Amino acid sequence: MDKTMNPRALDRDEAEMVEQSRTLADRPEAELRDLIGRLRARRDKAQRQIRSRARAAQGRGATAGADTGARDKKALLTEAIDRVADELAARRENPGAVKARKAAQNLRDAVVRKGEQPNWTGPEDRTADTGPVETPNTKIAPSGALHAEGMRAAISRSTGAR
């Protein structure tokens, strides 16, 4: 096609997806699968729109209009789908290259994170141990006290509930 396609045929979301399809090397495979699914959905919608307009024109006895905006949109989305599909196919053929690229990216990220945080020297307050508590709970009677918690425990051990 000698005529350049109109990038204004795409709405903001579609233009963003097409731009994402131009930089695929750093994206994880799950994100690529999601991107290709969204691109295919938008392309199919444009294709249905073209077909329904053609049918409507045919039903009125008129010839179908040029509908260049929808056709340009479909073509741009199809090119983006092809780019993403090629990247996914390349990753399936050579998974070692993807792992190496991912490992290199992880190292770069680690260096950035290490530069952001100073070295940790430990807790700022070194007096965490305050010693034993004087009386754990003064509301509980000591074991063996009559008519208290201790008596109930003694009865249940000896004969059972009375």
N, C-alpha and C. Protein backbone atom coordinates (compact mmCIF):
# COMPACT_ATOMS: atom_id res chain seq x y z
N MET A 1 0.86 -1.17 0.00
CA MET A 1 0.00 0.00 0.00
C MET A 1 0.90 1.23 0.00
N ASP A 2 0.83 2.10 -1.02
CA ASP A 2 1.69 3.28 -1.10
C ASP A 2 1.21 4.39 -0.19
N LYS A 3 -0.04 4.38 0.13
CA LYS A 3 -0.60 5.42 0.98
C LYS A 3 -0.24 5.12 2.44
N THR A 4 0.25 6.12 3.16
CA THR A 4 0.56 5.90 4.58
C THR A 4 -0.73 5.83 5.38
N MET A 5 -0.68 5.01 6.41
CA MET A 5 -1.88 4.82 7.21
C MET A 5 -2.03 5.95 8.20
N ASN A 6 -3.25 6.25 8.52
CA ASN A 6 -3.58 7.33 9.42
C ASN A 6 -3.50 6.84 10.85
N PRO A 7 -2.52 7.31 11.64
CA PRO A 7 -2.45 6.84 13.04
C PRO A 7 -3.61 7.38 13.87
N ARG A 8 -4.31 8.40 13.37
CA ARG A 8 -5.45 8.92 14.10
C ARG A 8 -6.65 7.98 14.02
N ALA A 9 -6.54 6.93 13.24
CA ALA A 9 -7.63 5.96 13.16
C ALA A 9 -7.78 5.21 14.48
N LEU A 10 -6.73 5.19 15.28
CA LEU A 10 -6.75 4.46 16.54
C LEU A 10 -7.19 5.37 17.68
N ASP A 11 -7.92 4.81 18.64
CA ASP A 11 -8.23 5.59 19.83
C ASP A 11 -7.02 5.51 20.78
N ARG A 12 -7.11 6.15 21.92
CA ARG A 12 -5.96 6.26 22.82
C ARG A 12 -5.48 4.89 23.29
N ASP A 13 -6.40 4.01 23.68
CA ASP A 13 -6.01 2.68 24.17
C ASP A 13 -5.35 1.86 23.07
N GLU A 14 -5.93 1.92 21.87
CA GLU A 14 -5.37 1.16 20.76
C GLU A 14 -3.99 1.68 20.39
N ALA A 15 -3.81 3.00 20.39
CA ALA A 15 -2.49 3.56 20.08
C ALA A 15 -1.47 3.14 21.12
N GLU A 16 -1.88 3.08 22.37
CA GLU A 16 -0.98 2.64 23.43
C GLU A 16 -0.59 1.18 23.24
N MET A 17 -1.55 0.34 22.86
CA MET A 17 -1.24 -1.07 22.64
C MET A 17 -0.30 -1.24 21.45
N VAL A 18 -0.51 -0.45 20.39
CA VAL A 18 0.37 -0.53 19.21
C VAL A 18 1.78 -0.10 19.61
N GLU A 19 1.90 0.93 20.42
CA GLU A 19 3.23 1.37 20.88
C GLU A 19 3.87 0.30 21.75
N GLN A 20 3.09 -0.37 22.58
CA GLN A 20 3.64 -1.45 23.40
C GLN A 20 4.16 -2.59 22.53
N SER A 21 3.53 -2.79 21.39
CA SER A 21 3.95 -3.89 20.52
C SER A 21 5.28 -3.58 19.83
N ARG A 22 5.74 -2.35 19.90
CA ARG A 22 7.02 -1.99 19.29
C ARG A 22 8.20 -2.27 20.23
N THR A 23 7.97 -2.36 21.52
CA THR A 23 9.02 -2.66 22.49
C THR A 23 8.63 -3.91 23.27
N LEU A 24 9.04 -5.06 22.78
CA LEU A 24 8.58 -6.32 23.36
C LEU A 24 9.67 -7.07 24.12
N ALA A 25 10.92 -6.70 23.95
CA ALA A 25 12.01 -7.50 24.51
C ALA A 25 11.97 -7.58 26.03
N ASP A 26 11.59 -6.52 26.70
CA ASP A 26 11.64 -6.50 28.17
C ASP A 26 10.35 -6.97 28.83
N ARG A 27 9.36 -7.30 28.05
CA ARG A 27 8.07 -7.66 28.63
C ARG A 27 7.99 -9.16 28.90
N PRO A 28 7.35 -9.54 30.02
CA PRO A 28 7.19 -10.98 30.30
C PRO A 28 6.17 -11.61 29.34
N GLU A 29 6.25 -12.92 29.25
CA GLU A 29 5.41 -13.63 28.28
C GLU A 29 3.92 -13.51 28.60
N ALA A 30 3.58 -13.50 29.87
CA ALA A 30 2.16 -13.36 30.25
C ALA A 30 1.62 -12.01 29.78
N GLU A 31 2.43 -10.98 29.88
CA GLU A 31 1.99 -9.66 29.43
C GLU A 31 1.83 -9.64 27.92
N LEU A 32 2.70 -10.35 27.20
CA LEU A 32 2.58 -10.42 25.73
C LEU A 32 1.30 -11.16 25.34
N ARG A 33 0.99 -12.24 26.05
CA ARG A 33 -0.24 -12.97 25.73
C ARG A 33 -1.47 -12.10 25.98
N ASP A 34 -1.44 -11.33 27.05
CA ASP A 34 -2.54 -10.42 27.33
C ASP A 34 -2.65 -9.34 26.24
N LEU A 35 -1.51 -8.80 25.84
CA LEU A 35 -1.48 -7.76 24.81
C LEU A 35 -2.02 -8.27 23.49
N ILE A 36 -1.59 -9.46 23.09
CA ILE A 36 -2.05 -9.99 21.80
C ILE A 36 -3.56 -10.29 21.85
N GLY A 37 -4.05 -10.71 23.00
CA GLY A 37 -5.49 -10.95 23.13
C GLY A 37 -6.29 -9.66 23.00
N ARG A 38 -5.81 -8.59 23.64
CA ARG A 38 -6.51 -7.31 23.55
C ARG A 38 -6.43 -6.75 22.12
N LEU A 39 -5.27 -6.91 21.46
CA LEU A 39 -5.14 -6.44 20.07
C LEU A 39 -6.08 -7.20 19.14
N ARG A 40 -6.17 -8.51 19.33
CA ARG A 40 -7.06 -9.31 18.48
C ARG A 40 -8.52 -8.92 18.69
N ALA A 41 -8.89 -8.65 19.93
CA ALA A 41 -10.27 -8.25 20.21
C ALA A 41 -10.60 -6.94 19.50
N ARG A 42 -9.68 -5.97 19.55
CA ARG A 42 -9.92 -4.69 18.89
C ARG A 42 -9.93 -4.84 17.37
N ARG A 43 -9.05 -5.69 16.84
CA ARG A 43 -9.04 -5.92 15.38
C ARG A 43 -10.34 -6.57 14.93
N ASP A 44 -10.80 -7.56 15.69
CA ASP A 44 -12.05 -8.24 15.34
C ASP A 44 -13.23 -7.27 15.40
N LYS A 45 -13.22 -6.37 16.35
CA LYS A 45 -14.28 -5.38 16.45
C LYS A 45 -14.29 -4.47 15.22
N ALA A 46 -13.11 -4.03 14.79
CA ALA A 46 -13.02 -3.19 13.60
C ALA A 46 -13.48 -3.97 12.36
N GLN A 47 -13.13 -5.23 12.29
CA GLN A 47 -13.52 -6.06 11.15
C GLN A 47 -15.04 -6.24 11.13
N ARG A 48 -15.65 -6.48 12.28
CA ARG A 48 -17.11 -6.59 12.33
C ARG A 48 -17.77 -5.29 11.91
N GLN A 49 -17.18 -4.18 12.32
CA GLN A 49 -17.72 -2.87 11.96
C GLN A 49 -17.68 -2.68 10.44
N ILE A 50 -16.59 -3.04 9.81
CA ILE A 50 -16.47 -2.92 8.35
C ILE A 50 -17.52 -3.79 7.67
N ARG A 51 -17.66 -5.02 8.12
CA ARG A 51 -18.63 -5.94 7.50
C ARG A 51 -20.07 -5.47 7.68
N SER A 52 -20.39 -5.00 8.90
CA SER A 52 -21.77 -4.57 9.13
C SER A 52 -22.11 -3.33 8.30
N ARG A 53 -21.16 -2.42 8.14
CA ARG A 53 -21.40 -1.24 7.30
C ARG A 53 -21.59 -1.64 5.84
N ALA A 54 -20.81 -2.62 5.39
CA ALA A 54 -20.95 -3.09 4.00
C ALA A 54 -22.31 -3.75 3.80
N ARG A 55 -22.74 -4.57 4.76
CA ARG A 55 -24.05 -5.22 4.65
C ARG A 55 -25.18 -4.19 4.66
N ALA A 56 -25.04 -3.20 5.54
CA ALA A 56 -26.08 -2.17 5.61
C ALA A 56 -26.17 -1.40 4.30
N ALA A 57 -25.05 -1.11 3.69
CA ALA A 57 -25.05 -0.39 2.41
C ALA A 57 -25.63 -1.28 1.33
N GLN A 58 -25.33 -2.55 1.38
CA GLN A 58 -25.87 -3.48 0.38
C GLN A 58 -27.37 -3.60 0.52
N GLY A 59 -27.85 -3.60 1.76
CA GLY A 59 -29.29 -3.71 2.00
C GLY A 59 -30.06 -2.50 1.48
N ARG A 60 -29.43 -1.36 1.46
CA ARG A 60 -30.08 -0.16 0.94
C ARG A 60 -29.94 -0.06 -0.58
N GLY A 61 -29.18 -0.94 -1.17
CA GLY A 61 -28.99 -0.91 -2.61
C GLY A 61 -27.87 0.02 -3.03
N ALA A 62 -27.10 0.52 -2.07
CA ALA A 62 -25.99 1.41 -2.38
C ALA A 62 -24.69 0.60 -2.35
N THR A 63 -23.66 1.18 -2.88
CA THR A 63 -22.36 0.52 -2.80
C THR A 63 -21.71 0.87 -1.46
N ALA A 64 -20.89 -0.02 -0.99
CA ALA A 64 -20.24 0.19 0.30
C ALA A 64 -19.27 1.36 0.20
N GLY A 65 -19.25 2.18 1.23
CA GLY A 65 -18.34 3.33 1.25
C GLY A 65 -16.90 2.88 1.43
N ALA A 66 -16.00 3.82 1.34
CA ALA A 66 -14.59 3.50 1.44
C ALA A 66 -14.23 2.97 2.82
N ASP A 67 -14.79 3.56 3.88
CA ASP A 67 -14.56 3.12 5.25
C ASP A 67 -13.06 3.00 5.54
N THR A 68 -12.31 3.99 5.10
CA THR A 68 -10.85 3.92 5.22
C THR A 68 -10.38 3.98 6.66
N GLY A 69 -11.08 4.70 7.51
CA GLY A 69 -10.64 4.80 8.91
C GLY A 69 -10.64 3.45 9.59
N ALA A 70 -11.70 2.69 9.42
CA ALA A 70 -11.78 1.36 10.04
C ALA A 70 -10.78 0.40 9.40
N ARG A 71 -10.59 0.54 8.10
CA ARG A 71 -9.61 -0.33 7.43
C ARG A 71 -8.19 -0.01 7.87
N ASP A 72 -7.89 1.28 8.04
CA ASP A 72 -6.57 1.67 8.55
C ASP A 72 -6.37 1.14 9.97
N LYS A 73 -7.40 1.25 10.79
CA LYS A 73 -7.33 0.74 12.16
C LYS A 73 -7.05 -0.75 12.15
N LYS A 74 -7.76 -1.47 11.31
CA LYS A 74 -7.58 -2.91 11.24
C LYS A 74 -6.16 -3.25 10.79
N ALA A 75 -5.65 -2.52 9.82
CA ALA A 75 -4.30 -2.79 9.33
C ALA A 75 -3.24 -2.51 10.40
N LEU A 76 -3.37 -1.41 11.12
CA LEU A 76 -2.41 -1.09 12.17
C LEU A 76 -2.45 -2.13 13.29
N LEU A 77 -3.65 -2.55 13.66
CA LEU A 77 -3.78 -3.56 14.71
C LEU A 77 -3.23 -4.90 14.24
N THR A 78 -3.43 -5.24 12.97
CA THR A 78 -2.92 -6.50 12.42
C THR A 78 -1.39 -6.50 12.44
N GLU A 79 -0.78 -5.37 12.09
CA GLU A 79 0.69 -5.29 12.13
C GLU A 79 1.19 -5.47 13.56
N ALA A 80 0.51 -4.88 14.51
CA ALA A 80 0.91 -5.01 15.91
C ALA A 80 0.77 -6.46 16.37
N ILE A 81 -0.30 -7.11 15.95
CA ILE A 81 -0.52 -8.52 16.31
C ILE A 81 0.61 -9.36 15.74
N ASP A 82 1.00 -9.08 14.50
CA ASP A 82 2.08 -9.85 13.88
C ASP A 82 3.40 -9.67 14.64
N ARG A 83 3.68 -8.45 15.10
CA ARG A 83 4.91 -8.22 15.86
C ARG A 83 4.91 -9.02 17.16
N VAL A 84 3.79 -8.99 17.86
CA VAL A 84 3.71 -9.71 19.14
C VAL A 84 3.77 -11.22 18.90
N ALA A 85 3.08 -11.70 17.87
CA ALA A 85 3.09 -13.13 17.57
C ALA A 85 4.49 -13.60 17.18
N ASP A 86 5.22 -12.79 16.43
CA ASP A 86 6.59 -13.15 16.07
C ASP A 86 7.49 -13.22 17.30
N GLU A 87 7.32 -12.29 18.22
CA GLU A 87 8.11 -12.31 19.45
C GLU A 87 7.78 -13.54 20.29
N LEU A 88 6.50 -13.89 20.40
CA LEU A 88 6.12 -15.08 21.15
C LEU A 88 6.68 -16.34 20.50
N ALA A 89 6.65 -16.40 19.17
CA ALA A 89 7.20 -17.56 18.46
C ALA A 89 8.71 -17.65 18.66
N ALA A 90 9.40 -16.53 18.62
CA ALA A 90 10.85 -16.53 18.84
C ALA A 90 11.18 -17.00 20.25
N ARG A 91 10.37 -16.60 21.20
CA ARG A 91 10.60 -17.04 22.58
C ARG A 91 10.37 -18.53 22.74
N ARG A 92 9.40 -19.07 22.02
CA ARG A 92 9.14 -20.51 22.10
C ARG A 92 10.26 -21.30 21.45
N GLU A 93 10.84 -20.76 20.37
CA GLU A 93 11.90 -21.47 19.66
C GLU A 93 13.21 -21.45 20.44
N ASN A 94 13.51 -20.35 21.12
CA ASN A 94 14.78 -20.22 21.82
C ASN A 94 14.54 -19.72 23.25
N PRO A 95 14.09 -20.61 24.13
CA PRO A 95 13.80 -20.17 25.50
C PRO A 95 15.05 -19.79 26.29
N GLY A 96 16.22 -20.28 25.91
CA GLY A 96 17.44 -19.94 26.61
C GLY A 96 17.78 -18.46 26.51
N ALA A 97 17.52 -17.88 25.34
CA ALA A 97 17.80 -16.46 25.16
C ALA A 97 16.89 -15.62 26.04
N VAL A 98 15.65 -16.06 26.19
CA VAL A 98 14.72 -15.33 27.04
C VAL A 98 15.16 -15.40 28.50
N LYS A 99 15.61 -16.58 28.93
CA LYS A 99 16.08 -16.73 30.31
C LYS A 99 17.30 -15.88 30.56
N ALA A 100 18.22 -15.84 29.59
CA ALA A 100 19.42 -15.02 29.76
C ALA A 100 19.06 -13.54 29.82
N ARG A 101 18.14 -13.12 28.96
CA ARG A 101 17.72 -11.72 28.96
C ARG A 101 17.02 -11.37 30.27
N LYS A 102 16.21 -12.31 30.76
CA LYS A 102 15.50 -12.08 32.02
C LYS A 102 16.47 -12.03 33.20
N ALA A 103 17.48 -12.90 33.19
CA ALA A 103 18.48 -12.90 34.25
C ALA A 103 19.27 -11.59 34.25
N ALA A 104 19.63 -11.12 33.06
CA ALA A 104 20.35 -9.85 32.97
C ALA A 104 19.49 -8.70 33.48
N GLN A 105 18.22 -8.73 33.15
CA GLN A 105 17.32 -7.67 33.63
C GLN A 105 17.17 -7.74 35.15
N ASN A 106 17.10 -8.94 35.70
CA ASN A 106 17.00 -9.08 37.15
C ASN A 106 18.25 -8.52 37.84
N LEU A 107 19.42 -8.75 37.24
CA LEU A 107 20.65 -8.20 37.82
C LEU A 107 20.64 -6.67 37.77
N ARG A 108 20.19 -6.12 36.65
CA ARG A 108 20.11 -4.66 36.54
C ARG A 108 19.16 -4.09 37.59
N ASP A 109 18.03 -4.76 37.76
CA ASP A 109 17.06 -4.31 38.77
C ASP A 109 17.64 -4.39 40.17
N ALA A 110 18.41 -5.44 40.46
CA ALA A 110 19.00 -5.60 41.78
C ALA A 110 20.02 -4.50 42.05
N VAL A 111 20.80 -4.14 41.04
CA VAL A 111 21.78 -3.07 41.21
C VAL A 111 21.07 -1.75 41.49
N VAL A 112 19.97 -1.51 40.79
CA VAL A 112 19.20 -0.28 41.02
C VAL A 112 18.63 -0.28 42.43
N ARG A 113 18.06 -1.40 42.87
CA ARG A 113 17.49 -1.47 44.22
C ARG A 113 18.57 -1.29 45.28
N LYS A 114 19.73 -1.87 45.05
CA LYS A 114 20.80 -1.75 46.04
C LYS A 114 21.29 -0.31 46.14
N GLY A 115 21.30 0.39 45.03
CA GLY A 115 21.70 1.80 45.05
C GLY A 115 20.68 2.68 45.75
N GLU A 116 19.42 2.28 45.74
CA GLU A 116 18.36 3.07 46.36
C GLU A 116 18.39 2.96 47.88
N GLN A 117 18.74 1.80 48.42
CA GLN A 117 18.68 1.58 49.86
C GLN A 117 20.09 1.56 50.44
N PRO A 118 20.32 2.27 51.54
CA PRO A 118 21.63 2.16 52.20
C PRO A 118 21.75 0.80 52.87
N ASN A 119 22.97 0.45 53.20
CA ASN A 119 23.18 -0.84 53.86
C ASN A 119 22.48 -0.86 55.21
N TRP A 120 21.82 -1.94 55.51
CA TRP A 120 21.09 -2.07 56.76
C TRP A 120 22.08 -2.45 57.86
N THR A 121 22.03 -1.76 58.97
CA THR A 121 22.98 -2.03 60.05
C THR A 121 22.33 -2.74 61.23
N GLY A 122 21.09 -3.02 61.17
CA GLY A 122 20.42 -3.70 62.26
C GLY A 122 19.40 -2.80 62.90
N PRO A 123 18.81 -3.26 63.98
CA PRO A 123 17.78 -2.45 64.62
C PRO A 123 18.38 -1.19 65.24
N GLU A 124 17.62 -0.13 65.20
CA GLU A 124 18.08 1.13 65.77
C GLU A 124 18.07 1.07 67.30
N ASP A 125 17.10 0.37 67.86
CA ASP A 125 16.98 0.26 69.31
C ASP A 125 17.48 -1.11 69.72
N ARG A 126 18.58 -1.16 70.43
CA ARG A 126 19.17 -2.45 70.82
C ARG A 126 18.73 -2.89 72.21
N THR A 127 17.66 -2.31 72.76
CA THR A 127 17.17 -2.68 74.08
C THR A 127 15.81 -3.34 73.95
N ALA A 128 15.73 -4.39 73.17
CA ALA A 128 14.46 -5.06 72.96
C ALA A 128 14.05 -5.86 74.19
N ASP A 129 15.02 -6.42 74.93
CA ASP A 129 14.70 -7.24 76.09
C ASP A 129 14.57 -6.35 77.31
N THR A 130 13.36 -6.25 77.85
CA THR A 130 13.13 -5.41 79.03
C THR A 130 13.14 -6.22 80.32
N GLY A 131 13.45 -7.49 80.26
CA GLY A 131 13.49 -8.33 81.45
C GLY A 131 12.16 -9.02 81.68
N PRO A 132 12.09 -9.88 82.73
CA PRO A 132 10.85 -10.63 82.96
C PRO A 132 9.75 -9.72 83.50
N VAL A 133 8.54 -10.09 83.18
CA VAL A 133 7.38 -9.37 83.69
C VAL A 133 7.20 -9.79 85.15
N GLU A 134 6.82 -8.86 86.00
CA GLU A 134 6.71 -9.13 87.44
C GLU A 134 5.69 -10.22 87.72
N THR A 135 4.42 -9.99 87.41
CA THR A 135 3.38 -10.99 87.60
C THR A 135 2.64 -11.11 86.27
N PRO A 136 2.65 -12.28 85.67
CA PRO A 136 2.02 -12.39 84.35
C PRO A 136 0.56 -11.97 84.35
N ASN A 137 -0.24 -12.55 85.24
CA ASN A 137 -1.66 -12.21 85.26
C ASN A 137 -2.15 -12.36 86.69
N THR A 138 -2.45 -11.29 87.37
CA THR A 138 -2.85 -11.33 88.78
C THR A 138 -4.30 -11.76 88.96
N LYS A 139 -5.09 -11.85 87.93
CA LYS A 139 -6.50 -12.21 88.06
C LYS A 139 -6.71 -13.71 88.14
N ILE A 140 -5.71 -14.48 87.79
CA ILE A 140 -5.84 -15.93 87.83
C ILE A 140 -5.32 -16.42 89.17
N ALA A 141 -6.10 -17.29 89.81
CA ALA A 141 -5.68 -17.83 91.11
C ALA A 141 -4.56 -18.84 90.90
N PRO A 142 -3.66 -18.96 91.87
CA PRO A 142 -2.60 -19.97 91.75
C PRO A 142 -3.20 -21.37 91.81
N SER A 143 -2.51 -22.32 91.24
CA SER A 143 -3.01 -23.68 91.18
C SER A 143 -3.22 -24.24 92.59
N GLY A 144 -4.35 -24.89 92.82
CA GLY A 144 -4.66 -25.50 94.10
C GLY A 144 -5.47 -24.62 95.01
N ALA A 145 -5.76 -23.41 94.67
CA ALA A 145 -6.54 -22.53 95.55
C ALA A 145 -7.99 -23.00 95.56
N LEU A 146 -8.62 -23.00 96.74
CA LEU A 146 -9.99 -23.45 96.85
C LEU A 146 -10.94 -22.43 96.21
N HIS A 147 -11.99 -22.95 95.61
CA HIS A 147 -13.04 -22.16 94.97
C HIS A 147 -12.49 -21.18 93.94
N ALA A 148 -11.51 -21.63 93.23
CA ALA A 148 -10.92 -20.80 92.18
C ALA A 148 -10.53 -21.70 91.02
N GLU A 149 -9.76 -21.16 90.13
CA GLU A 149 -9.37 -21.91 88.94
C GLU A 149 -8.61 -23.17 89.29
N GLY A 150 -7.78 -23.11 90.32
CA GLY A 150 -7.00 -24.27 90.70
C GLY A 150 -7.87 -25.42 91.18
N MET A 151 -8.94 -25.13 91.91
CA MET A 151 -9.85 -26.16 92.41
C MET A 151 -10.55 -26.85 91.25
N ARG A 152 -10.97 -26.09 90.27
CA ARG A 152 -11.65 -26.69 89.12
C ARG A 152 -10.72 -27.66 88.40
N ALA A 153 -9.47 -27.30 88.26
CA ALA A 153 -8.51 -28.19 87.62
C ALA A 153 -8.28 -29.44 88.45
N ALA A 154 -8.22 -29.31 89.77
CA ALA A 154 -8.00 -30.47 90.65
C ALA A 154 -9.18 -31.42 90.58
N ILE A 155 -10.41 -30.91 90.56
CA ILE A 155 -11.60 -31.76 90.50
C ILE A 155 -11.64 -32.51 89.18
N SER A 156 -11.33 -31.83 88.09
CA SER A 156 -11.41 -32.51 86.80
C SER A 156 -10.34 -33.59 86.67
N ARG A 157 -9.23 -33.46 87.36
CA ARG A 157 -8.19 -34.49 87.34
C ARG A 157 -8.58 -35.69 88.18
N SER A 158 -9.25 -35.48 89.30
CA SER A 158 -9.48 -36.58 90.23
C SER A 158 -10.75 -37.35 89.88
N THR A 159 -11.91 -36.75 90.00
CA THR A 159 -13.14 -37.51 89.87
C THR A 159 -14.02 -37.06 88.71
N GLY A 160 -13.73 -35.95 88.15
CA GLY A 160 -14.58 -35.44 87.09
C GLY A 160 -15.49 -34.35 87.64
N ALA A 161 -16.34 -33.82 86.85
CA ALA A 161 -17.20 -32.70 87.26
C ALA A 161 -18.22 -33.19 88.26
N ARG A 162 -18.57 -32.36 89.29
CA ARG A 162 -19.55 -32.75 90.31
C ARG A 162 -20.83 -32.02 90.12
